[in-house]
Amino acid sequence: MTVSDIYTKLYSRSYYEKTGQHKFRFLKSSLFLDRRANIPFVIHMLDGVFYLQALTKIVNESLFRIEMKGDEIMLYSENRDNLLWVLE
């Protein structure tokens, strides 16, 4: 998987947090969270690991590790193995 593949998958549709509390939409390098927040972001790959870097902090974090399994996207805290959101 490449950075371009990640962007393509994120832009392909809207995602919902598995608990159903939040809606995530990715469009033109911006994350729209619940139609209220517009947060610019970029995707990086470092040592084979993909990261989403938000230019504004979300839940006191600005760098998130991305993992994808099938249709699910998992966003983890960058410094810890703390799973923050599962998007489906």
N, C-alpha and C. Protein backbone atom coordinates (compact mmCIF):
# COMPACT_ATOMS: atom_id res chain seq x y z
N MET A 1 0.84 -1.17 0.00
CA MET A 1 0.00 0.00 0.00
C MET A 1 0.90 1.24 0.00
N THR A 2 0.46 2.28 -0.71
CA THR A 2 1.22 3.52 -0.81
C THR A 2 0.43 4.67 -0.16
N VAL A 3 1.08 5.81 -0.02
CA VAL A 3 0.41 7.00 0.51
C VAL A 3 -0.76 7.37 -0.40
N SER A 4 -0.56 7.26 -1.71
CA SER A 4 -1.62 7.56 -2.67
C SER A 4 -2.82 6.63 -2.48
N ASP A 5 -2.57 5.35 -2.20
CA ASP A 5 -3.65 4.39 -1.94
C ASP A 5 -4.45 4.78 -0.70
N ILE A 6 -3.75 5.26 0.32
CA ILE A 6 -4.44 5.68 1.56
C ILE A 6 -5.35 6.86 1.27
N TYR A 7 -4.82 7.88 0.55
CA TYR A 7 -5.65 9.03 0.19
C TYR A 7 -6.88 8.58 -0.61
N THR A 8 -6.69 7.70 -1.58
CA THR A 8 -7.79 7.22 -2.40
C THR A 8 -8.86 6.55 -1.54
N LYS A 9 -8.43 5.71 -0.61
CA LYS A 9 -9.40 5.02 0.26
C LYS A 9 -10.13 6.01 1.17
N LEU A 10 -9.41 6.96 1.75
CA LEU A 10 -10.04 7.94 2.63
C LEU A 10 -11.05 8.80 1.88
N TYR A 11 -10.71 9.21 0.66
CA TYR A 11 -11.58 10.08 -0.13
C TYR A 11 -12.78 9.33 -0.72
N SER A 12 -12.76 8.01 -0.69
CA SER A 12 -13.77 7.22 -1.40
C SER A 12 -15.18 7.34 -0.81
N ARG A 13 -15.30 7.65 0.49
CA ARG A 13 -16.63 7.72 1.10
C ARG A 13 -16.53 8.32 2.50
N SER A 14 -17.68 8.52 3.12
CA SER A 14 -17.74 8.96 4.51
C SER A 14 -17.58 7.74 5.42
N TYR A 15 -16.98 7.96 6.56
CA TYR A 15 -16.77 6.89 7.53
C TYR A 15 -17.45 7.28 8.84
N TYR A 16 -17.86 6.27 9.57
CA TYR A 16 -18.46 6.47 10.88
C TYR A 16 -17.63 5.75 11.91
N GLU A 17 -17.46 6.39 13.06
CA GLU A 17 -16.78 5.73 14.16
C GLU A 17 -17.61 4.51 14.54
N LYS A 18 -16.94 3.44 14.88
CA LYS A 18 -17.62 2.17 15.15
C LYS A 18 -18.70 2.32 16.23
N THR A 19 -18.48 3.21 17.20
CA THR A 19 -19.48 3.41 18.25
C THR A 19 -20.66 4.25 17.74
N GLY A 20 -20.52 4.82 16.53
CA GLY A 20 -21.61 5.61 15.94
C GLY A 20 -21.68 7.04 16.43
N GLN A 21 -20.69 7.49 17.18
CA GLN A 21 -20.74 8.82 17.74
C GLN A 21 -20.28 9.91 16.76
N HIS A 22 -19.36 9.61 15.86
CA HIS A 22 -18.80 10.64 15.00
C HIS A 22 -18.79 10.21 13.54
N LYS A 23 -18.96 11.19 12.66
CA LYS A 23 -18.85 10.98 11.22
C LYS A 23 -17.56 11.64 10.74
N PHE A 24 -16.77 10.90 9.96
CA PHE A 24 -15.52 11.39 9.42
C PHE A 24 -15.64 11.44 7.89
N ARG A 25 -15.31 12.57 7.29
CA ARG A 25 -15.28 12.69 5.83
C ARG A 25 -13.96 13.34 5.46
N PHE A 26 -13.25 12.75 4.51
CA PHE A 26 -11.96 13.24 4.06
C PHE A 26 -12.12 13.80 2.65
N LEU A 27 -11.71 15.04 2.44
CA LEU A 27 -11.86 15.66 1.13
C LEU A 27 -10.81 16.75 0.96
N LYS A 28 -10.06 16.68 -0.14
CA LYS A 28 -9.07 17.71 -0.48
C LYS A 28 -8.15 18.05 0.69
N SER A 29 -7.53 17.04 1.25
CA SER A 29 -6.58 17.19 2.37
C SER A 29 -7.19 17.84 3.61
N SER A 30 -8.49 17.66 3.80
CA SER A 30 -9.16 18.14 5.00
C SER A 30 -10.02 17.01 5.57
N LEU A 31 -10.07 16.98 6.88
CA LEU A 31 -10.94 16.05 7.60
C LEU A 31 -12.13 16.84 8.12
N PHE A 32 -13.31 16.43 7.75
CA PHE A 32 -14.53 17.04 8.25
C PHE A 32 -15.08 16.11 9.32
N LEU A 33 -15.14 16.60 10.54
CA LEU A 33 -15.57 15.79 11.67
C LEU A 33 -16.93 16.28 12.12
N ASP A 34 -17.93 15.42 11.95
CA ASP A 34 -19.31 15.73 12.35
C ASP A 34 -19.85 17.01 11.72
N ARG A 35 -19.41 17.35 10.52
CA ARG A 35 -19.87 18.55 9.80
C ARG A 35 -19.56 19.84 10.55
N ARG A 36 -18.78 19.77 11.61
CA ARG A 36 -18.49 20.98 12.39
C ARG A 36 -17.04 21.40 12.26
N ALA A 37 -16.13 20.46 12.30
CA ALA A 37 -14.71 20.78 12.29
C ALA A 37 -14.12 20.47 10.92
N ASN A 38 -13.34 21.40 10.41
CA ASN A 38 -12.62 21.23 9.16
C ASN A 38 -11.14 21.28 9.51
N ILE A 39 -10.47 20.14 9.48
CA ILE A 39 -9.10 20.03 9.95
C ILE A 39 -8.19 19.61 8.80
N PRO A 40 -7.27 20.48 8.39
CA PRO A 40 -6.31 20.10 7.34
C PRO A 40 -5.40 18.97 7.83
N PHE A 41 -5.01 18.07 6.91
CA PHE A 41 -4.14 16.96 7.29
C PHE A 41 -3.27 16.54 6.12
N VAL A 42 -2.22 15.81 6.42
CA VAL A 42 -1.36 15.17 5.42
C VAL A 42 -1.07 13.76 5.90
N ILE A 43 -0.77 12.88 4.96
CA ILE A 43 -0.41 11.49 5.26
C ILE A 43 1.09 11.33 5.00
N HIS A 44 1.78 10.68 5.92
CA HIS A 44 3.20 10.40 5.79
C HIS A 44 3.42 8.91 5.97
N MET A 45 4.51 8.40 5.37
CA MET A 45 4.94 7.04 5.66
C MET A 45 6.36 7.13 6.20
N LEU A 46 6.59 6.52 7.36
CA LEU A 46 7.89 6.53 7.98
C LEU A 46 8.21 5.12 8.44
N ASP A 47 9.28 4.56 7.92
CA ASP A 47 9.69 3.19 8.26
C ASP A 47 8.57 2.18 8.03
N GLY A 48 7.82 2.35 6.94
CA GLY A 48 6.76 1.41 6.60
C GLY A 48 5.46 1.58 7.37
N VAL A 49 5.38 2.62 8.20
CA VAL A 49 4.18 2.89 8.99
C VAL A 49 3.55 4.18 8.48
N PHE A 50 2.22 4.17 8.31
CA PHE A 50 1.51 5.34 7.82
C PHE A 50 1.01 6.19 8.98
N TYR A 51 1.14 7.50 8.82
CA TYR A 51 0.69 8.46 9.83
C TYR A 51 -0.18 9.52 9.20
N LEU A 52 -1.22 9.91 9.91
CA LEU A 52 -2.04 11.05 9.54
C LEU A 52 -1.64 12.18 10.47
N GLN A 53 -1.17 13.28 9.88
CA GLN A 53 -0.78 14.43 10.69
C GLN A 53 -1.82 15.52 10.50
N ALA A 54 -2.54 15.83 11.58
CA ALA A 54 -3.54 16.90 11.57
C ALA A 54 -2.83 18.21 11.88
N LEU A 55 -3.19 19.27 11.17
CA LEU A 55 -2.55 20.56 11.41
C LEU A 55 -3.19 21.29 12.58
N THR A 56 -4.26 20.72 13.14
CA THR A 56 -4.90 21.19 14.36
C THR A 56 -5.08 19.97 15.26
N LYS A 57 -4.87 20.13 16.54
CA LYS A 57 -4.99 18.98 17.45
C LYS A 57 -6.43 18.47 17.53
N ILE A 58 -6.53 17.14 17.60
CA ILE A 58 -7.79 16.45 17.82
C ILE A 58 -7.56 15.58 19.05
N VAL A 59 -8.41 15.66 20.03
CA VAL A 59 -8.24 14.96 21.31
C VAL A 59 -6.80 15.05 21.83
N ASN A 60 -6.28 16.26 21.80
CA ASN A 60 -4.93 16.57 22.29
C ASN A 60 -3.81 15.85 21.55
N GLU A 61 -4.07 15.43 20.33
CA GLU A 61 -3.07 14.75 19.51
C GLU A 61 -3.06 15.41 18.13
N SER A 62 -1.92 15.37 17.47
CA SER A 62 -1.88 15.86 16.10
C SER A 62 -1.27 14.86 15.12
N LEU A 63 -0.73 13.76 15.64
CA LEU A 63 -0.15 12.73 14.79
C LEU A 63 -0.76 11.39 15.17
N PHE A 64 -1.34 10.70 14.17
CA PHE A 64 -2.05 9.44 14.40
C PHE A 64 -1.48 8.35 13.50
N ARG A 65 -1.25 7.18 14.06
CA ARG A 65 -0.82 6.03 13.26
C ARG A 65 -2.06 5.42 12.63
N ILE A 66 -1.97 5.08 11.33
CA ILE A 66 -3.09 4.52 10.58
C ILE A 66 -2.84 3.04 10.31
N GLU A 67 -3.85 2.23 10.57
CA GLU A 67 -3.84 0.82 10.15
C GLU A 67 -5.15 0.54 9.44
N MET A 68 -5.08 -0.25 8.38
CA MET A 68 -6.27 -0.60 7.61
C MET A 68 -6.41 -2.11 7.54
N LYS A 69 -7.62 -2.57 7.83
CA LYS A 69 -7.94 -4.00 7.72
C LYS A 69 -9.29 -4.10 7.04
N GLY A 70 -9.29 -4.53 5.80
CA GLY A 70 -10.54 -4.61 5.04
C GLY A 70 -11.14 -3.22 4.89
N ASP A 71 -12.39 -3.07 5.30
CA ASP A 71 -13.07 -1.77 5.20
C ASP A 71 -12.88 -0.90 6.43
N GLU A 72 -12.19 -1.41 7.45
CA GLU A 72 -12.00 -0.65 8.68
C GLU A 72 -10.68 0.12 8.65
N ILE A 73 -10.73 1.33 9.20
CA ILE A 73 -9.54 2.16 9.36
C ILE A 73 -9.38 2.41 10.85
N MET A 74 -8.22 2.07 11.38
CA MET A 74 -7.94 2.28 12.79
C MET A 74 -6.96 3.44 12.93
N LEU A 75 -7.30 4.38 13.82
CA LEU A 75 -6.42 5.50 14.11
C LEU A 75 -5.95 5.37 15.55
N TYR A 76 -4.63 5.30 15.70
CA TYR A 76 -4.01 5.13 17.01
C TYR A 76 -3.26 6.40 17.40
N SER A 77 -3.11 6.60 18.70
CA SER A 77 -2.23 7.64 19.20
C SER A 77 -0.82 7.33 18.72
N GLU A 78 -0.09 8.34 18.30
CA GLU A 78 1.23 8.13 17.72
C GLU A 78 2.24 7.61 18.74
N ASN A 79 2.20 8.12 19.94
CA ASN A 79 3.20 7.76 20.94
C ASN A 79 2.86 6.49 21.72
N ARG A 80 1.60 6.14 21.75
CA ARG A 80 1.16 4.98 22.53
C ARG A 80 0.41 4.02 21.62
N ASP A 81 0.19 2.84 22.09
CA ASP A 81 -0.61 1.88 21.33
C ASP A 81 -2.08 2.05 21.70
N ASN A 82 -2.50 3.27 21.89
CA ASN A 82 -3.86 3.58 22.31
C ASN A 82 -4.76 3.75 21.07
N LEU A 83 -5.70 2.83 20.87
CA LEU A 83 -6.63 2.92 19.76
C LEU A 83 -7.65 4.02 20.06
N LEU A 84 -7.69 5.04 19.20
CA LEU A 84 -8.60 6.16 19.41
C LEU A 84 -9.92 5.99 18.70
N TRP A 85 -9.87 5.57 17.41
CA TRP A 85 -11.08 5.40 16.64
C TRP A 85 -10.96 4.22 15.69
N VAL A 86 -12.07 3.53 15.50
CA VAL A 86 -12.20 2.53 14.44
C VAL A 86 -13.27 3.09 13.51
N LEU A 87 -12.90 3.35 12.26
CA LEU A 87 -13.81 3.91 11.28
C LEU A 87 -14.27 2.81 10.34
N GLU A 88 -15.57 2.81 10.07
CA GLU A 88 -16.11 1.81 9.13
C GLU A 88 -17.14 2.43 8.25
